[in-house]
């Protein structure tokens, strides 16, 4: 029996309440921005309860700034060690650290979800190690919502599968399609594969093989594979609701969108034109799909509002039982793909060149 097969213990909170474990030391400007984000989240959501994981003095800043009647909504788990951005995640995540303690709180039932803006690798490793992966999942993926003029586009992976395999990308397509249906309300989500062109056969061996596999896969939740898409299809939306790529490419693309958005925002503020360009910001919080728990990872550069947004997303994942719904709809196909043993690049390209 794997850890994810066991039922976490702990009492159930009242209906509507969301208990979120927050990594106080996660992020480039932690703990200041995390304290700010926690205060913003508490002010915006009266049914929110926070478990602040980090140094006592940082937690006390949050508690001291709250109204007396709101202080009972905040508890503290004192942990002084974090996993740095330059640390090897798997080497350090087994030791006591804020991100591991947050995951342990979710597993033990003291929290319903967790949020961290620290090392993405550490957050993913801690979540997978402590909470366990969903059955059949080879490697979890981070799914970021990118707002576009045509509605949100779900981009995954944005940081986990740096050297993604064919099986992992196909499984992420499955998870992305189901998440788009459950969390974003997309009917019959269209799934695209990011490549250097939209014409069939474009891309490297991995992309060509994944395209073949997705063409032969019946996706759950009404999802359908629509073919290859290009980088500009992510921020402007249109052909696909879910865009799948490896974590290396996805992370670069997402940060590029953020950088372009920041430049456009500055330009819009400086211009005196009557009609300033409409600027759409990419989300700085991503849901971790493929683990047996609700986990949100924010960018290391996240500010207070970004942290508050990540906490709100984590609360929504819990309240709407999004992760269990994703697990239920994706379970059969994820298990089938994992056990098939035939998802290899050589097999895919050997049958069809």
Protein backbone atom coordinates (compact mmCIF):
# COMPACT_ATOMS: atom_id res chain seq x y z
CA UNK A 1 0.00 0.00 0.00
CA UNK A 2 1.43 3.39 -1.01
CA UNK A 3 1.10 6.43 1.18
CA UNK A 4 -1.52 7.93 -1.16
CA UNK A 5 -3.71 4.84 -0.62
CA UNK A 6 -4.11 5.63 3.08
CA UNK A 7 -6.78 7.98 4.33
CA UNK A 8 -5.37 11.06 6.07
CA UNK A 9 -6.66 11.39 9.61
CA UNK A 10 -7.94 14.47 11.41
CA UNK A 11 -11.39 15.95 11.90
CA UNK A 12 -13.35 17.52 9.08
CA UNK A 13 -13.70 21.32 9.22
CA UNK A 14 -17.10 23.02 9.07
CA UNK A 15 -18.70 23.35 5.62
CA UNK A 16 -17.21 26.29 3.73
CA UNK A 17 -14.10 26.53 5.89
CA UNK A 18 -10.78 26.11 4.13
CA UNK A 19 -7.62 25.45 6.14
CA UNK A 20 -4.53 26.37 4.15
CA UNK A 21 -0.95 25.63 5.19
CA UNK A 22 1.27 28.50 4.01
CA UNK A 23 5.05 28.21 3.63
CA UNK A 24 6.26 31.47 5.20
CA UNK A 25 9.83 31.08 3.95
CA UNK A 26 8.96 30.30 0.34
CA UNK A 27 9.83 32.96 -2.25
CA UNK A 28 12.51 35.43 -3.27
CA UNK A 29 11.21 38.12 -0.88
CA UNK A 30 9.94 35.85 1.89
CA UNK A 31 8.78 36.15 4.56
CA UNK A 32 7.64 39.78 3.97
CA UNK A 33 5.57 39.14 0.84
CA UNK A 34 4.10 35.94 2.28
CA UNK A 35 3.02 37.80 5.42
CA UNK A 36 1.43 40.45 3.18
CA UNK A 37 -0.32 37.80 1.09
CA UNK A 38 -1.61 35.96 4.15
CA UNK A 39 -3.11 39.19 5.53
CA UNK A 40 -4.75 39.98 2.20
CA UNK A 41 -6.19 36.46 1.98
CA UNK A 42 -7.59 36.59 5.51
CA UNK A 43 -9.23 39.95 4.84
CA UNK A 44 -10.82 38.73 1.61
CA UNK A 45 -12.17 35.40 2.94
CA UNK A 46 -13.82 35.24 6.38
CA UNK A 47 -14.05 31.44 6.19
CA UNK A 48 -10.35 31.03 5.62
CA UNK A 49 -8.13 29.49 8.32
CA UNK A 50 -4.37 29.63 7.91
CA UNK A 51 -1.66 27.40 9.29
CA UNK A 52 1.49 29.51 9.01
CA UNK A 53 4.57 27.31 8.67
CA UNK A 54 7.76 29.16 9.48
CA UNK A 55 9.52 31.30 12.09
CA UNK A 56 7.47 32.42 15.09
CA UNK A 57 8.29 36.11 14.59
CA UNK A 58 7.00 36.10 11.00
CA UNK A 59 3.79 34.35 12.00
CA UNK A 60 3.32 36.84 14.83
CA UNK A 61 3.39 39.66 12.26
CA UNK A 62 0.30 38.21 10.62
CA UNK A 63 -1.50 37.50 13.86
CA UNK A 64 -0.67 40.92 15.32
CA UNK A 65 -2.01 42.73 12.26
CA UNK A 66 -5.38 40.96 12.36
CA UNK A 67 -8.42 42.14 14.27
CA UNK A 68 -8.71 40.39 17.62
CA UNK A 69 -11.76 38.39 16.54
CA UNK A 70 -9.89 37.11 13.45
CA UNK A 71 -6.78 35.88 15.26
CA UNK A 72 -8.36 32.56 16.13
CA UNK A 73 -8.36 31.78 12.40
CA UNK A 74 -4.57 31.60 12.35
CA UNK A 75 -2.38 28.89 13.88
CA UNK A 76 1.37 28.39 13.71
CA UNK A 77 3.75 25.54 13.03
CA UNK A 78 7.20 26.77 14.01
CA UNK A 79 9.83 25.66 11.48
CA UNK A 80 12.97 27.68 10.81
CA UNK A 81 14.53 25.78 7.94
CA UNK A 82 13.73 26.19 4.25
CA UNK A 83 14.90 24.56 1.02
CA UNK A 84 16.75 27.22 -0.97
CA UNK A 85 16.38 27.77 -4.70
CA UNK A 86 19.89 26.40 -5.23
CA UNK A 87 19.44 23.33 -3.03
CA UNK A 88 18.88 19.87 -4.51
CA UNK A 89 15.19 19.23 -3.74
CA UNK A 90 15.34 15.48 -3.19
CA UNK A 91 18.41 15.75 -0.97
CA UNK A 92 16.85 18.32 1.36
CA UNK A 93 13.12 17.61 1.23
CA UNK A 94 13.34 14.56 3.45
CA UNK A 95 14.57 16.76 6.29
CA UNK A 96 12.41 19.09 8.34
CA UNK A 97 11.69 22.24 6.32
CA UNK A 98 8.80 24.63 5.89
CA UNK A 99 7.64 23.07 2.62
CA UNK A 100 7.79 19.54 3.98
CA UNK A 101 6.02 20.57 7.19
CA UNK A 102 3.24 22.17 5.11
CA UNK A 103 2.79 18.93 3.16
CA UNK A 104 2.81 16.93 6.38
CA UNK A 105 0.03 19.17 7.74
CA UNK A 106 -2.14 18.37 4.72
CA UNK A 107 -1.44 14.66 5.01
CA UNK A 108 -2.17 14.64 8.75
CA UNK A 109 -5.47 16.46 8.27
CA UNK A 110 -4.44 19.68 10.01
CA UNK A 111 -4.78 21.55 6.71
CA UNK A 112 -6.86 21.05 3.58
CA UNK A 113 -4.35 22.42 1.09
CA UNK A 114 -0.91 24.02 0.96
CA UNK A 115 0.73 26.99 -0.76
CA UNK A 116 4.43 27.63 -1.33
CA UNK A 117 6.35 30.19 -3.38
CA UNK A 118 9.69 28.57 -2.66
CA UNK A 119 11.66 26.14 -4.80
CA UNK A 120 9.21 24.51 -7.20
CA UNK A 121 11.28 21.35 -7.19
CA UNK A 122 11.15 21.17 -3.40
CA UNK A 123 7.39 21.81 -3.31
CA UNK A 124 6.75 19.10 -5.89
CA UNK A 125 9.15 16.63 -4.27
CA UNK A 126 7.68 17.20 -0.81
CA UNK A 127 4.12 16.86 -2.09
CA UNK A 128 4.83 13.67 -4.02
CA UNK A 129 6.84 12.16 -1.16
CA UNK A 130 4.44 13.05 1.65
CA UNK A 131 1.00 13.05 -0.03
CA UNK A 132 1.78 10.47 -2.71
CA UNK A 133 1.05 10.53 -6.43
CA UNK A 134 -2.26 9.60 -8.01
CA UNK A 135 -2.37 6.02 -9.22
CA UNK A 136 -0.47 5.58 -12.48
CA UNK A 137 1.05 9.07 -12.53
CA UNK A 138 4.73 8.97 -13.49
CA UNK A 139 5.49 12.59 -12.61
CA UNK A 140 3.14 15.41 -11.47
CA UNK A 141 2.78 18.60 -13.48
CA UNK A 142 2.23 22.27 -12.64
CA UNK A 143 -0.77 23.75 -14.42
CA UNK A 144 -0.93 27.53 -14.76
CA UNK A 145 -4.02 29.50 -15.81
CA UNK A 146 -3.12 32.07 -18.46
CA UNK A 147 -5.94 34.61 -18.96
CA UNK A 148 -6.54 35.47 -22.64
CA UNK A 149 -9.11 37.52 -24.55
CA UNK A 150 -10.82 34.23 -25.44
CA UNK A 151 -10.92 32.82 -21.91
CA UNK A 152 -8.30 31.07 -19.76
CA UNK A 153 -5.76 28.74 -21.32
CA UNK A 154 -4.32 26.01 -19.12
CA UNK A 155 -0.57 25.58 -19.70
CA UNK A 156 1.23 22.56 -18.31
CA UNK A 157 3.82 21.62 -17.35
CA UNK A 158 5.47 24.88 -16.26
CA UNK A 159 8.39 23.61 -14.23
CA UNK A 160 8.46 19.95 -13.14
CA UNK A 161 9.23 17.76 -16.16
CA UNK A 162 12.40 19.50 -17.28
CA UNK A 163 13.34 16.44 -19.34
CA UNK A 164 9.79 15.20 -19.93
CA UNK A 165 9.12 11.82 -21.50
CA UNK A 166 6.45 10.79 -23.94
CA UNK A 167 4.40 9.06 -21.24
CA UNK A 168 4.59 12.06 -18.91
CA UNK A 169 3.38 14.51 -21.55
CA UNK A 170 0.50 12.25 -22.56
CA UNK A 171 -0.48 11.85 -18.91
CA UNK A 172 -0.35 15.63 -18.47
CA UNK A 173 -2.71 15.97 -21.42
CA UNK A 174 -5.12 13.66 -19.58
CA UNK A 175 -4.81 15.60 -16.31
CA UNK A 176 -5.09 18.94 -18.12
CA UNK A 177 -8.24 17.97 -20.00
CA UNK A 178 -9.95 16.81 -16.81
CA UNK A 179 -8.81 19.85 -14.81
CA UNK A 180 -10.08 22.21 -17.54
CA UNK A 181 -13.47 20.52 -17.32
CA UNK A 182 -13.70 20.39 -13.52
CA UNK A 183 -11.96 23.61 -12.49
CA UNK A 184 -12.48 25.91 -15.46
CA UNK A 185 -15.87 24.64 -16.60
CA UNK A 186 -14.70 24.01 -20.16
CA UNK A 187 -17.05 21.75 -22.10
CA UNK A 188 -15.20 19.27 -24.30
CA UNK A 189 -11.77 20.84 -23.70
CA UNK A 190 -9.52 21.16 -26.73
CA UNK A 191 -5.98 19.95 -26.05
CA UNK A 192 -3.03 21.17 -28.08
CA UNK A 193 0.64 20.22 -28.04
CA UNK A 194 3.15 23.10 -28.09
CA UNK A 195 5.63 22.94 -30.96
CA UNK A 196 7.52 25.14 -33.44
CA UNK A 197 4.69 25.06 -35.96
CA UNK A 198 1.09 23.93 -36.23
CA UNK A 199 1.59 21.74 -39.28
CA UNK A 200 1.60 17.96 -38.66
CA UNK A 201 5.10 16.55 -38.20
CA UNK A 202 6.62 19.76 -36.82
CA UNK A 203 8.91 19.54 -33.79
CA UNK A 204 11.58 17.30 -32.34
CA UNK A 205 11.30 13.53 -31.90
CA UNK A 206 9.55 13.87 -28.54
CA UNK A 207 6.88 16.23 -29.89
CA UNK A 208 6.28 14.11 -32.99
CA UNK A 209 5.91 10.96 -30.90
CA UNK A 210 3.57 12.61 -28.37
CA UNK A 211 1.43 13.90 -31.25
CA UNK A 212 1.04 10.36 -32.56
CA UNK A 213 0.16 9.03 -29.10
CA UNK A 214 -2.38 11.77 -28.41
CA UNK A 215 -4.00 11.18 -31.79
CA UNK A 216 -4.61 7.59 -30.69
CA UNK A 217 -5.80 8.45 -27.16
CA UNK A 218 -9.42 9.01 -26.22
CA UNK A 219 -9.15 11.73 -23.58
CA UNK A 220 -11.56 11.80 -20.62
CA UNK A 221 -14.03 14.60 -19.74
CA UNK A 222 -14.91 15.06 -23.41
CA UNK A 223 -11.38 16.22 -24.18
CA UNK A 224 -10.11 16.06 -27.74
CA UNK A 225 -6.66 16.48 -29.17
CA UNK A 226 -6.66 19.21 -31.84
CA UNK A 227 -3.02 19.01 -32.92
CA UNK A 228 0.05 21.23 -32.65
CA UNK A 229 -0.09 24.84 -31.50
CA UNK A 230 2.52 27.61 -31.34
CA UNK A 231 3.82 29.85 -28.57
CA UNK A 232 1.68 32.82 -29.54
CA UNK A 233 -1.45 30.70 -29.06
CA UNK A 234 -0.88 30.71 -25.29
CA UNK A 235 -1.28 34.43 -24.44
CA UNK A 236 -3.82 35.22 -27.15
CA UNK A 237 -5.93 32.06 -26.81
CA UNK A 238 -8.07 30.61 -29.55
CA UNK A 239 -7.29 27.13 -30.87
CA UNK A 240 -6.86 25.21 -27.59
CA UNK A 241 -8.11 25.32 -24.01
CA UNK A 242 -5.22 23.18 -22.72
CA UNK A 243 -1.67 23.40 -24.06
CA UNK A 244 0.79 20.68 -23.10
CA UNK A 245 4.55 20.93 -23.15
CA UNK A 246 7.57 19.88 -21.10
CA UNK A 247 8.38 21.82 -17.93
CA UNK A 248 11.53 23.36 -19.38
CA UNK A 249 9.76 24.95 -22.34
CA UNK A 250 6.64 25.77 -20.35
CA UNK A 251 8.56 27.59 -17.63
CA UNK A 252 10.47 29.69 -20.16
CA UNK A 253 7.29 30.52 -22.06
CA UNK A 254 5.35 31.50 -18.96
CA UNK A 255 8.11 33.78 -17.71
CA UNK A 256 8.40 35.30 -21.17
CA UNK A 257 4.69 36.10 -21.13
CA UNK A 258 5.06 37.67 -17.69
CA UNK A 259 7.98 39.78 -18.83
CA UNK A 260 6.13 41.00 -21.91
CA UNK A 261 3.07 41.75 -19.78
CA UNK A 262 5.15 43.79 -17.34
CA UNK A 263 6.65 45.86 -20.17
CA UNK A 264 3.20 46.41 -21.71
CA UNK A 265 1.82 47.48 -18.35
CA UNK A 266 4.54 50.11 -17.91
CA UNK A 267 3.98 51.36 -21.46
CA UNK A 268 0.23 51.57 -20.89
CA UNK A 269 0.74 53.61 -17.73
CA UNK A 270 3.12 56.02 -19.47
CA UNK A 271 1.02 56.68 -22.54
CA UNK A 272 -1.61 59.37 -22.54
CA UNK A 273 -3.58 57.74 -25.32
CA UNK A 274 -7.30 57.52 -24.72
CA UNK A 275 -7.33 53.81 -25.51
CA UNK A 276 -4.41 52.12 -23.76
CA UNK A 277 -3.67 48.55 -24.84
CA UNK A 278 -5.51 45.87 -22.90
CA UNK A 279 -2.98 43.98 -20.79
CA UNK A 280 -3.70 40.45 -19.62
CA UNK A 281 -1.58 39.17 -16.73
CA UNK A 282 -0.50 35.55 -16.44
CA UNK A 283 -1.29 33.83 -13.17
CA UNK A 284 1.65 33.42 -10.78
CA UNK A 285 0.14 30.43 -8.99
CA UNK A 286 -0.06 26.92 -10.45
CA UNK A 287 -2.05 23.90 -9.31
CA UNK A 288 0.02 20.75 -8.91
CA UNK A 289 -1.77 17.97 -10.79
CA UNK A 290 -0.98 14.31 -10.17
CA UNK A 291 -0.58 14.27 -6.39
CA UNK A 292 -3.13 13.12 -3.83
CA UNK A 293 -3.77 16.52 -2.29
CA UNK A 294 -4.46 20.18 -3.06
CA UNK A 295 -1.16 21.99 -3.67
CA UNK A 296 -0.53 25.42 -5.18
CA UNK A 297 2.96 26.58 -6.14
CA UNK A 298 3.50 30.31 -6.66
CA UNK A 299 6.45 31.79 -8.52
CA UNK A 300 9.46 32.75 -6.45
CA UNK A 301 9.01 36.35 -7.61
CA UNK A 302 5.42 36.46 -6.35
CA UNK A 303 4.33 39.55 -4.43
CA UNK A 304 1.66 39.88 -1.73
CA UNK A 305 -1.34 39.90 -4.11
CA UNK A 306 0.10 36.87 -5.95
CA UNK A 307 0.42 34.95 -2.68
CA UNK A 308 -3.14 35.91 -1.73
CA UNK A 309 -4.32 34.70 -5.15
CA UNK A 310 -2.50 31.40 -4.64
CA UNK A 311 -4.14 30.95 -1.24
CA UNK A 312 -7.54 31.66 -2.80
CA UNK A 313 -6.87 29.04 -5.48
CA UNK A 314 -5.87 26.50 -2.84
CA UNK A 315 -9.08 27.21 -0.90
CA UNK A 316 -11.12 26.72 -4.07
CA UNK A 317 -9.39 23.43 -4.88
CA UNK A 318 -10.48 22.19 -1.46
CA UNK A 319 -13.99 23.62 -1.30
CA UNK A 320 -14.98 22.35 -4.72
CA UNK A 321 -13.18 19.04 -4.24
CA UNK A 322 -11.40 19.61 -7.53
CA UNK A 323 -8.45 17.29 -6.96
CA UNK A 324 -10.61 14.27 -5.99
CA UNK A 325 -12.79 14.96 -9.04
CA UNK A 326 -9.74 15.08 -11.31
CA UNK A 327 -8.43 11.86 -9.78
CA UNK A 328 -11.74 10.08 -10.28
CA UNK A 329 -12.14 11.07 -13.93
CA UNK A 330 -8.52 10.48 -14.91
CA UNK A 331 -7.77 7.32 -12.88
CA UNK A 332 -8.65 4.64 -15.42
CA UNK A 333 -6.74 6.15 -18.34
CA UNK A 334 -3.72 7.17 -16.24
CA UNK A 335 -3.43 3.61 -14.96
CA UNK A 336 -3.88 2.16 -18.43
CA UNK A 337 -1.21 4.41 -19.91
CA UNK A 338 1.22 3.62 -17.12
CA UNK A 339 0.77 -0.14 -17.38
CA UNK A 340 0.66 -0.35 -21.18
CA UNK A 341 4.43 -0.29 -21.49
CA UNK A 342 4.24 0.65 -25.17
CA UNK A 343 4.44 4.43 -24.95
CA UNK A 344 7.94 4.91 -26.30
CA UNK A 345 9.20 7.35 -28.90
CA UNK A 346 10.72 4.53 -30.95
CA UNK A 347 7.43 2.64 -31.12
CA UNK A 348 5.40 5.72 -32.03
CA UNK A 349 7.71 6.96 -34.75
CA UNK A 350 8.54 3.48 -35.98
CA UNK A 351 4.93 2.74 -36.82
CA UNK A 352 4.29 6.09 -38.44
CA UNK A 353 7.07 8.32 -39.77
